[in-house]
Amino acid sequence: MKLTSLRLHNFRQFYGTTPTVEFASGNKKVTVIHGINGAGKTAFLNAFTWALYESLTPGFQLPEQLVNIRALREAAQDEIVEAWVELSFDHNGRQY
């Protein structure tokens, strides 16, 4: 399996819909994810595990709070706030 792209919507620190993150391909072999503490690197990792396995890393604090707090605060009473992860990958010549 080769990961090709990831997009998030109201997932943890990521408010709204993120731009699509395209992973290295062709001659580029590595994609580097870096940032300061609290920037969302672990949330980014958990987006993969949540999308692929419906689970989170063991050290993930407050797994019941996957939905972005700002999105919840801005929502009207009884409004549904969506949080989703869109992961694209290639496997055995097929795109998913």
C-alpha atoms as a PDB file:
ATOM      1  CA  MET A   1       0.000   0.000   0.000  1.00  0.00           C
ATOM      2  CA  LYS A   2       1.245   3.483  -0.883  1.00  0.00           C
ATOM      3  CA  LEU A   3      -0.374   6.541   0.714  1.00  0.00           C
ATOM      4  CA  THR A   4      -1.054   9.255  -1.853  1.00  0.00           C
ATOM      5  CA  SER A   5      -3.001  12.032  -0.083  1.00  0.00           C
ATOM      6  CA  LEU A   6      -4.834  13.062   3.078  1.00  0.00           C
ATOM      7  CA  ARG A   7      -7.472  15.694   3.788  1.00  0.00           C
ATOM      8  CA  LEU A   8      -9.142  16.442   7.134  1.00  0.00           C
ATOM      9  CA  HIS A   9     -12.304  18.248   8.178  1.00  0.00           C
ATOM     10  CA  ASN A  10     -12.839  19.457  11.770  1.00  0.00           C
ATOM     11  CA  PHE A  11     -10.544  16.702  13.029  1.00  0.00           C
ATOM     12  CA  ARG A  12      -8.867  17.667  16.328  1.00  0.00           C
ATOM     13  CA  GLN A  13      -6.723  20.820  15.802  1.00  0.00           C
ATOM     14  CA  PHE A  14      -7.708  21.068  12.149  1.00  0.00           C
ATOM     15  CA  TYR A  15     -10.638  23.492  11.824  1.00  0.00           C
ATOM     16  CA  GLY A  16     -12.665  23.371   8.617  1.00  0.00           C
ATOM     17  CA  THR A  17     -11.377  21.465   5.609  1.00  0.00           C
ATOM     18  CA  THR A  18      -7.625  21.301   5.191  1.00  0.00           C
ATOM     19  CA  PRO A  19      -5.915  21.557   1.830  1.00  0.00           C
ATOM     20  CA  THR A  20      -5.095  18.150   0.397  1.00  0.00           C
ATOM     21  CA  VAL A  21      -1.702  16.912   1.567  1.00  0.00           C
ATOM     22  CA  GLU A  22       0.012  15.072  -1.298  1.00  0.00           C
ATOM     23  CA  PHE A  23       2.612  12.509  -0.233  1.00  0.00           C
ATOM     24  CA  ALA A  24       5.933  11.885  -1.946  1.00  0.00           C
ATOM     25  CA  SER A  25       5.807   9.909  -5.175  1.00  0.00           C
ATOM     26  CA  GLY A  26       8.037   9.058  -8.132  1.00  0.00           C
ATOM     27  CA  ASN A  27      11.654   9.973  -7.435  1.00  0.00           C
ATOM     28  CA  LYS A  28      10.691  11.540  -4.110  1.00  0.00           C
ATOM     29  CA  LYS A  29      10.731   8.786  -1.486  1.00  0.00           C
ATOM     30  CA  VAL A  30      10.045  10.650   1.765  1.00  0.00           C
ATOM     31  CA  THR A  31       7.382  12.999   3.104  1.00  0.00           C
ATOM     32  CA  VAL A  32       8.354  14.908   6.263  1.00  0.00           C
ATOM     33  CA  ILE A  33       5.736  16.118   8.744  1.00  0.00           C
ATOM     34  CA  HIS A  34       7.146  18.625  11.240  1.00  0.00           C
ATOM     35  CA  GLY A  35       5.885  21.313  13.570  1.00  0.00           C
ATOM     36  CA  ILE A  36       6.009  22.703  17.097  1.00  0.00           C
ATOM     37  CA  ASN A  37       4.389  20.928  20.029  1.00  0.00           C
ATOM     38  CA  GLY A  38       0.608  21.124  19.773  1.00  0.00           C
ATOM     39  CA  ALA A  39       0.638  21.806  16.034  1.00  0.00           C
ATOM     40  CA  GLY A  40      -1.176  18.563  15.200  1.00  0.00           C
ATOM     41  CA  LYS A  41       1.492  16.007  14.280  1.00  0.00           C
ATOM     42  CA  THR A  42      -0.032  13.328  16.529  1.00  0.00           C
ATOM     43  CA  ALA A  43      -3.529  14.277  15.388  1.00  0.00           C
ATOM     44  CA  PHE A  44      -2.276  13.818  11.830  1.00  0.00           C
ATOM     45  CA  LEU A  45      -0.971  10.347  12.750  1.00  0.00           C
ATOM     46  CA  ASN A  46      -4.287   9.520  14.408  1.00  0.00           C
ATOM     47  CA  ALA A  47      -6.137  10.559  11.262  1.00  0.00           C
ATOM     48  CA  PHE A  48      -4.394   7.640   9.510  1.00  0.00           C
ATOM     49  CA  THR A  49      -5.123   5.108  12.247  1.00  0.00           C
ATOM     50  CA  TRP A  50      -8.718   6.290  12.596  1.00  0.00           C
ATOM     51  CA  ALA A  51      -9.361   6.118   8.838  1.00  0.00           C
ATOM     52  CA  LEU A  52      -7.677   2.748   8.333  1.00  0.00           C
ATOM     53  CA  TYR A  53      -8.381   0.886  11.583  1.00  0.00           C
ATOM     54  CA  GLU A  54     -11.053   2.886  13.452  1.00  0.00           C
ATOM     55  CA  SER A  55      -8.659   3.187  16.387  1.00  0.00           C
ATOM     56  CA  LEU A  56      -6.308   5.760  17.882  1.00  0.00           C
ATOM     57  CA  THR A  57      -2.774   5.606  19.214  1.00  0.00           C
ATOM     58  CA  PRO A  58      -2.533   4.476  22.865  1.00  0.00           C
ATOM     59  CA  GLY A  59      -1.288   7.859  24.121  1.00  0.00           C
ATOM     60  CA  PHE A  60      -4.123   9.816  22.508  1.00  0.00           C
ATOM     61  CA  GLN A  61      -5.756  11.989  25.151  1.00  0.00           C
ATOM     62  CA  LEU A  62      -9.544  12.413  25.150  1.00  0.00           C
ATOM     63  CA  PRO A  63     -10.433  10.161  22.199  1.00  0.00           C
ATOM     64  CA  GLU A  64     -14.069  11.234  22.554  1.00  0.00           C
ATOM     65  CA  GLN A  65     -13.034  14.727  21.412  1.00  0.00           C
ATOM     66  CA  LEU A  66     -12.191  14.044  17.773  1.00  0.00           C
ATOM     67  CA  VAL A  67     -14.324  16.961  16.569  1.00  0.00           C
ATOM     68  CA  ASN A  68     -12.613  20.357  16.517  1.00  0.00           C
ATOM     69  CA  ILE A  69     -13.585  22.426  19.572  1.00  0.00           C
ATOM     70  CA  ARG A  70     -13.923  25.693  17.614  1.00  0.00           C
ATOM     71  CA  ALA A  71     -16.306  24.047  15.140  1.00  0.00           C
ATOM     72  CA  LEU A  72     -18.415  22.796  18.049  1.00  0.00           C
ATOM     73  CA  ARG A  73     -18.483  26.241  19.702  1.00  0.00           C
ATOM     74  CA  GLU A  74     -19.513  27.988  16.484  1.00  0.00           C
ATOM     75  CA  ALA A  75     -22.304  25.528  15.712  1.00  0.00           C
ATOM     76  CA  ALA A  76     -25.893  26.458  16.421  1.00  0.00           C
ATOM     77  CA  GLN A  77     -27.739  24.480  19.070  1.00  0.00           C
ATOM     78  CA  ASP A  78     -28.690  21.017  17.730  1.00  0.00           C
ATOM     79  CA  GLU A  79     -26.572  21.575  14.595  1.00  0.00           C
ATOM     80  CA  ILE A  80     -24.617  18.526  13.494  1.00  0.00           C
ATOM     81  CA  VAL A  81     -20.877  19.158  13.231  1.00  0.00           C
ATOM     82  CA  GLU A  82     -19.047  16.775  10.930  1.00  0.00           C
ATOM     83  CA  ALA A  83     -15.500  15.550  11.369  1.00  0.00           C
ATOM     84  CA  TRP A  84     -13.941  13.347   8.711  1.00  0.00           C
ATOM     85  CA  VAL A  85     -10.718  12.041   7.270  1.00  0.00           C
ATOM     86  CA  GLU A  86     -10.224  11.409   3.561  1.00  0.00           C
ATOM     87  CA  LEU A  87      -7.242   9.147   2.894  1.00  0.00           C
ATOM     88  CA  SER A  88      -6.244   8.124  -0.617  1.00  0.00           C
ATOM     89  CA  PHE A  89      -3.863   5.278  -1.347  1.00  0.00           C
ATOM     90  CA  ASP A  90      -2.768   2.853  -4.036  1.00  0.00           C
ATOM     91  CA  HIS A  91      -2.733  -0.892  -3.473  1.00  0.00           C
ATOM     92  CA  ASN A  92      -1.940  -3.540  -6.095  1.00  0.00           C
ATOM     93  CA  GLY A  93      -2.461  -1.017  -8.897  1.00  0.00           C
ATOM     94  CA  ARG A  94      -5.866   0.192  -7.634  1.00  0.00           C
ATOM     95  CA  GLN A  95      -6.691   3.577  -6.138  1.00  0.00           C
ATOM     96  CA  TYR A  96      -8.788   3.830  -2.995  1.00  0.00           C
END
